[in-house]
Amino acid sequence: MTPSNPSQIRLLLWDYITREIRLPAASKSILLALANLTDPRSRTAHAPISLLVVYAGLSQSDVSRLLGNLDANQWIETNRIPADPGRPPITVYNLSSQLIQLALRQS
């Protein structure tokens, strides 16, 4: 059964990330930041790197490097959102649907 309470969904994400995923603390802090920013209904965060830097408490270079590893290992998903003409697209990050499904199955 999938939880419907938004707080319960975030708690399940936090619990799964902290207890079940074996990653260095810095990588987990990015996943936990994304869990905090994830909308429980759409299950997306659409978080830009600048927001992850603030929430994870890491430098932009560290977050950038760690996001590459998290994406390669399918813990997160990367999306590009078109920007205004003449500007580069904005890259946003979400927890992977696989991670979310695994966390919600723990309930």
N, C-alpha and C. Protein backbone atom coordinates (compact mmCIF):
# COMPACT_ATOMS: atom_id res chain seq x y z
N MET A 1 0.84 -1.17 0.00
CA MET A 1 0.00 0.00 0.00
C MET A 1 0.89 1.24 0.00
N THR A 2 0.61 2.18 -0.88
CA THR A 2 1.38 3.41 -0.97
C THR A 2 0.83 4.42 0.02
N PRO A 3 1.69 5.02 0.83
CA PRO A 3 1.21 6.01 1.79
C PRO A 3 0.68 7.25 1.08
N SER A 4 -0.35 7.85 1.64
CA SER A 4 -0.93 9.04 1.02
C SER A 4 -0.59 10.31 1.78
N ASN A 5 -0.18 10.18 3.02
CA ASN A 5 0.17 11.33 3.84
C ASN A 5 1.53 11.88 3.39
N PRO A 6 1.60 13.17 2.99
CA PRO A 6 2.87 13.73 2.52
C PRO A 6 4.01 13.59 3.53
N SER A 7 3.73 13.77 4.81
CA SER A 7 4.78 13.64 5.82
C SER A 7 5.29 12.20 5.90
N GLN A 8 4.38 11.26 5.75
CA GLN A 8 4.76 9.85 5.81
C GLN A 8 5.67 9.49 4.63
N ILE A 9 5.38 10.03 3.46
CA ILE A 9 6.20 9.76 2.28
C ILE A 9 7.62 10.27 2.51
N ARG A 10 7.75 11.49 3.01
CA ARG A 10 9.09 12.04 3.28
C ARG A 10 9.82 11.21 4.34
N LEU A 11 9.10 10.79 5.37
CA LEU A 11 9.73 9.96 6.41
C LEU A 11 10.23 8.64 5.84
N LEU A 12 9.45 8.03 4.96
CA LEU A 12 9.88 6.78 4.34
C LEU A 12 11.11 6.99 3.47
N LEU A 13 11.15 8.10 2.74
CA LEU A 13 12.33 8.41 1.92
C LEU A 13 13.55 8.59 2.82
N TRP A 14 13.41 9.38 3.87
CA TRP A 14 14.51 9.61 4.80
C TRP A 14 14.98 8.30 5.43
N ASP A 15 14.04 7.49 5.88
CA ASP A 15 14.38 6.23 6.53
C ASP A 15 15.15 5.32 5.58
N TYR A 16 14.66 5.20 4.35
CA TYR A 16 15.31 4.32 3.38
C TYR A 16 16.72 4.82 3.05
N ILE A 17 16.84 6.12 2.82
CA ILE A 17 18.15 6.69 2.46
C ILE A 17 19.15 6.51 3.60
N THR A 18 18.72 6.78 4.82
CA THR A 18 19.66 6.71 5.94
C THR A 18 20.00 5.28 6.35
N ARG A 19 19.04 4.37 6.27
CA ARG A 19 19.28 3.01 6.77
C ARG A 19 19.71 2.01 5.70
N GLU A 20 19.19 2.14 4.50
CA GLU A 20 19.38 1.09 3.50
C GLU A 20 20.45 1.39 2.45
N ILE A 21 20.67 2.63 2.16
CA ILE A 21 21.61 2.98 1.10
C ILE A 21 23.00 3.15 1.69
N ARG A 22 23.95 2.43 1.14
CA ARG A 22 25.34 2.48 1.62
C ARG A 22 26.13 3.41 0.72
N LEU A 23 26.24 4.64 1.15
CA LEU A 23 26.98 5.67 0.42
C LEU A 23 27.71 6.54 1.43
N PRO A 24 28.74 7.27 0.98
CA PRO A 24 29.40 8.23 1.87
C PRO A 24 28.41 9.30 2.35
N ALA A 25 28.72 9.89 3.49
CA ALA A 25 27.82 10.88 4.11
C ALA A 25 27.49 12.04 3.17
N ALA A 26 28.46 12.52 2.41
CA ALA A 26 28.21 13.65 1.52
C ALA A 26 27.18 13.29 0.44
N SER A 27 27.28 12.09 -0.10
CA SER A 27 26.31 11.65 -1.11
C SER A 27 24.93 11.50 -0.50
N LYS A 28 24.88 10.94 0.72
CA LYS A 28 23.60 10.80 1.40
C LYS A 28 22.98 12.16 1.70
N SER A 29 23.81 13.16 2.01
CA SER A 29 23.26 14.48 2.31
C SER A 29 22.57 15.07 1.08
N ILE A 30 23.08 14.77 -0.10
CA ILE A 30 22.41 15.24 -1.32
C ILE A 30 21.09 14.50 -1.50
N LEU A 31 21.09 13.19 -1.29
CA LEU A 31 19.84 12.43 -1.41
C LEU A 31 18.81 12.90 -0.38
N LEU A 32 19.26 13.18 0.83
CA LEU A 32 18.34 13.67 1.87
C LEU A 32 17.82 15.06 1.53
N ALA A 33 18.66 15.90 0.94
CA ALA A 33 18.20 17.22 0.50
C ALA A 33 17.13 17.05 -0.57
N LEU A 34 17.35 16.15 -1.51
CA LEU A 34 16.34 15.91 -2.55
C LEU A 34 15.06 15.34 -1.94
N ALA A 35 15.19 14.48 -0.93
CA ALA A 35 14.00 13.95 -0.26
C ALA A 35 13.20 15.08 0.37
N ASN A 36 13.89 16.03 1.00
CA ASN A 36 13.21 17.18 1.61
C ASN A 36 12.50 18.03 0.58
N LEU A 37 13.09 18.14 -0.60
CA LEU A 37 12.54 19.00 -1.65
C LEU A 37 11.52 18.29 -2.54
N THR A 38 11.38 16.98 -2.37
CA THR A 38 10.47 16.21 -3.22
C THR A 38 9.02 16.47 -2.83
N ASP A 39 8.23 16.84 -3.82
CA ASP A 39 6.80 17.01 -3.62
C ASP A 39 6.18 15.62 -3.48
N PRO A 40 5.49 15.34 -2.38
CA PRO A 40 4.96 14.00 -2.16
C PRO A 40 3.92 13.56 -3.20
N ARG A 41 3.23 14.51 -3.79
CA ARG A 41 2.20 14.13 -4.77
C ARG A 41 2.79 13.82 -6.14
N SER A 42 3.66 14.69 -6.63
CA SER A 42 4.26 14.46 -7.95
C SER A 42 5.51 13.58 -7.85
N ARG A 43 6.05 13.47 -6.63
CA ARG A 43 7.27 12.71 -6.36
C ARG A 43 8.47 13.23 -7.15
N THR A 44 8.48 14.54 -7.36
CA THR A 44 9.61 15.20 -8.02
C THR A 44 10.06 16.39 -7.18
N ALA A 45 11.32 16.75 -7.33
CA ALA A 45 11.88 17.90 -6.63
C ALA A 45 12.20 19.04 -7.60
N HIS A 46 12.64 18.69 -8.78
CA HIS A 46 13.09 19.68 -9.78
C HIS A 46 14.04 20.68 -9.14
N ALA A 47 15.03 20.17 -8.40
CA ALA A 47 15.96 21.02 -7.66
C ALA A 47 17.18 21.35 -8.51
N PRO A 48 17.49 22.63 -8.66
CA PRO A 48 18.73 23.01 -9.35
C PRO A 48 19.92 22.81 -8.40
N ILE A 49 21.09 22.77 -8.96
CA ILE A 49 22.30 22.54 -8.15
C ILE A 49 22.46 23.60 -7.07
N SER A 50 22.08 24.84 -7.36
CA SER A 50 22.25 25.92 -6.37
C SER A 50 21.45 25.63 -5.10
N LEU A 51 20.27 25.05 -5.24
CA LEU A 51 19.45 24.71 -4.07
C LEU A 51 20.05 23.52 -3.31
N LEU A 52 20.59 22.56 -4.05
CA LEU A 52 21.21 21.40 -3.40
C LEU A 52 22.46 21.81 -2.62
N VAL A 53 23.20 22.79 -3.12
CA VAL A 53 24.37 23.29 -2.40
C VAL A 53 23.94 23.82 -1.03
N VAL A 54 22.85 24.59 -1.01
CA VAL A 54 22.36 25.17 0.24
C VAL A 54 21.85 24.08 1.18
N TYR A 55 21.01 23.19 0.68
CA TYR A 55 20.39 22.18 1.53
C TYR A 55 21.37 21.11 2.00
N ALA A 56 22.33 20.75 1.16
CA ALA A 56 23.29 19.70 1.53
C ALA A 56 24.46 20.24 2.33
N GLY A 57 24.67 21.56 2.29
CA GLY A 57 25.77 22.15 3.04
C GLY A 57 27.14 21.80 2.49
N LEU A 58 27.21 21.63 1.18
CA LEU A 58 28.46 21.27 0.52
C LEU A 58 28.83 22.34 -0.51
N SER A 59 30.06 22.32 -0.97
CA SER A 59 30.47 23.28 -2.00
C SER A 59 29.85 22.89 -3.34
N GLN A 60 29.76 23.86 -4.24
CA GLN A 60 29.18 23.57 -5.55
C GLN A 60 30.02 22.54 -6.30
N SER A 61 31.33 22.60 -6.18
CA SER A 61 32.17 21.63 -6.88
C SER A 61 31.95 20.22 -6.33
N ASP A 62 31.80 20.09 -5.01
CA ASP A 62 31.52 18.78 -4.42
C ASP A 62 30.16 18.25 -4.85
N VAL A 63 29.15 19.10 -4.80
CA VAL A 63 27.81 18.68 -5.20
C VAL A 63 27.81 18.26 -6.66
N SER A 64 28.46 19.04 -7.50
CA SER A 64 28.51 18.73 -8.93
C SER A 64 29.17 17.37 -9.17
N ARG A 65 30.28 17.12 -8.51
CA ARG A 65 30.99 15.84 -8.66
C ARG A 65 30.13 14.68 -8.15
N LEU A 66 29.53 14.86 -6.99
CA LEU A 66 28.72 13.79 -6.39
C LEU A 66 27.45 13.51 -7.18
N LEU A 67 26.86 14.55 -7.77
CA LEU A 67 25.66 14.35 -8.59
C LEU A 67 25.97 13.44 -9.78
N GLY A 68 27.15 13.60 -10.36
CA GLY A 68 27.55 12.72 -11.47
C GLY A 68 27.58 11.27 -11.05
N ASN A 69 28.15 11.00 -9.86
CA ASN A 69 28.20 9.63 -9.35
C ASN A 69 26.81 9.10 -9.01
N LEU A 70 25.98 9.93 -8.39
CA LEU A 70 24.63 9.50 -8.02
C LEU A 70 23.79 9.21 -9.26
N ASP A 71 23.97 10.02 -10.30
CA ASP A 71 23.25 9.81 -11.55
C ASP A 71 23.72 8.53 -12.24
N ALA A 72 25.03 8.32 -12.28
CA ALA A 72 25.59 7.12 -12.92
C ALA A 72 25.11 5.85 -12.23
N ASN A 73 24.88 5.93 -10.92
CA ASN A 73 24.42 4.76 -10.16
C ASN A 73 22.90 4.71 -9.99
N GLN A 74 22.21 5.56 -10.71
CA GLN A 74 20.74 5.59 -10.79
C GLN A 74 20.06 5.86 -9.45
N TRP A 75 20.70 6.67 -8.60
CA TRP A 75 20.05 7.11 -7.38
C TRP A 75 19.24 8.37 -7.64
N ILE A 76 19.63 9.12 -8.67
CA ILE A 76 18.92 10.34 -9.03
C ILE A 76 18.64 10.35 -10.53
N GLU A 77 17.77 11.27 -10.93
CA GLU A 77 17.48 11.49 -12.35
C GLU A 77 17.74 12.96 -12.65
N THR A 78 18.27 13.21 -13.82
CA THR A 78 18.61 14.56 -14.26
C THR A 78 17.69 14.95 -15.40
N ASN A 79 17.16 16.17 -15.33
CA ASN A 79 16.31 16.69 -16.40
C ASN A 79 16.80 18.07 -16.79
N ARG A 80 16.65 18.40 -18.06
CA ARG A 80 17.00 19.73 -18.55
C ARG A 80 15.72 20.47 -18.89
N ILE A 81 15.59 21.66 -18.34
CA ILE A 81 14.42 22.49 -18.59
C ILE A 81 14.84 23.64 -19.50
N PRO A 82 14.13 23.83 -20.61
CA PRO A 82 14.50 24.92 -21.52
C PRO A 82 14.44 26.26 -20.81
N ALA A 83 15.40 27.12 -21.14
CA ALA A 83 15.45 28.46 -20.56
C ALA A 83 15.01 29.47 -21.63
N ASP A 84 15.12 30.73 -21.30
CA ASP A 84 14.80 31.78 -22.25
C ASP A 84 15.72 31.68 -23.46
N PRO A 85 15.27 32.17 -24.62
CA PRO A 85 16.11 32.12 -25.82
C PRO A 85 17.48 32.76 -25.56
N GLY A 86 18.51 32.09 -26.04
CA GLY A 86 19.87 32.58 -25.87
C GLY A 86 20.53 32.18 -24.57
N ARG A 87 19.79 31.49 -23.71
CA ARG A 87 20.35 31.04 -22.44
C ARG A 87 20.40 29.52 -22.42
N PRO A 88 21.36 28.94 -21.72
CA PRO A 88 21.44 27.47 -21.67
C PRO A 88 20.28 26.90 -20.85
N PRO A 89 19.91 25.65 -21.14
CA PRO A 89 18.85 25.02 -20.34
C PRO A 89 19.29 24.86 -18.88
N ILE A 90 18.32 24.78 -18.01
CA ILE A 90 18.58 24.61 -16.58
C ILE A 90 18.50 23.12 -16.26
N THR A 91 19.50 22.61 -15.57
CA THR A 91 19.51 21.21 -15.16
C THR A 91 18.91 21.12 -13.76
N VAL A 92 17.94 20.22 -13.61
CA VAL A 92 17.32 19.99 -12.30
C VAL A 92 17.43 18.51 -11.96
N TYR A 93 17.34 18.22 -10.68
CA TYR A 93 17.57 16.87 -10.18
C TYR A 93 16.40 16.38 -9.35
N ASN A 94 16.15 15.07 -9.44
CA ASN A 94 15.10 14.38 -8.68
C ASN A 94 15.66 13.07 -8.16
N LEU A 95 15.07 12.57 -7.09
CA LEU A 95 15.36 11.20 -6.69
C LEU A 95 14.88 10.29 -7.82
N SER A 96 15.58 9.19 -8.05
CA SER A 96 15.15 8.28 -9.12
C SER A 96 13.83 7.62 -8.73
N SER A 97 13.04 7.32 -9.74
CA SER A 97 11.76 6.65 -9.47
C SER A 97 11.99 5.29 -8.81
N GLN A 98 13.10 4.65 -9.16
CA GLN A 98 13.44 3.36 -8.55
C GLN A 98 13.69 3.52 -7.05
N LEU A 99 14.45 4.54 -6.66
CA LEU A 99 14.72 4.78 -5.23
C LEU A 99 13.41 5.06 -4.50
N ILE A 100 12.56 5.87 -5.08
CA ILE A 100 11.27 6.21 -4.45
C ILE A 100 10.42 4.96 -4.28
N GLN A 101 10.35 4.13 -5.31
CA GLN A 101 9.56 2.90 -5.22
C GLN A 101 10.09 1.98 -4.12
N LEU A 102 11.40 1.83 -4.05
CA LEU A 102 11.99 0.98 -3.01
C LEU A 102 11.68 1.51 -1.62
N ALA A 103 11.77 2.82 -1.45
CA ALA A 103 11.49 3.43 -0.15
C ALA A 103 10.03 3.24 0.25
N LEU A 104 9.12 3.40 -0.70
CA LEU A 104 7.70 3.28 -0.38
C LEU A 104 7.27 1.84 -0.14
N ARG A 105 8.00 0.89 -0.69
CA ARG A 105 7.70 -0.52 -0.45
C ARG A 105 8.04 -0.94 0.97
N GLN A 106 8.89 -0.18 1.63
CA GLN A 106 9.30 -0.51 2.99
C GLN A 106 8.19 -0.31 4.00
N SER A 107 7.11 0.39 3.58
CA SER A 107 6.04 0.71 4.54
C SER A 107 5.21 -0.49 4.90
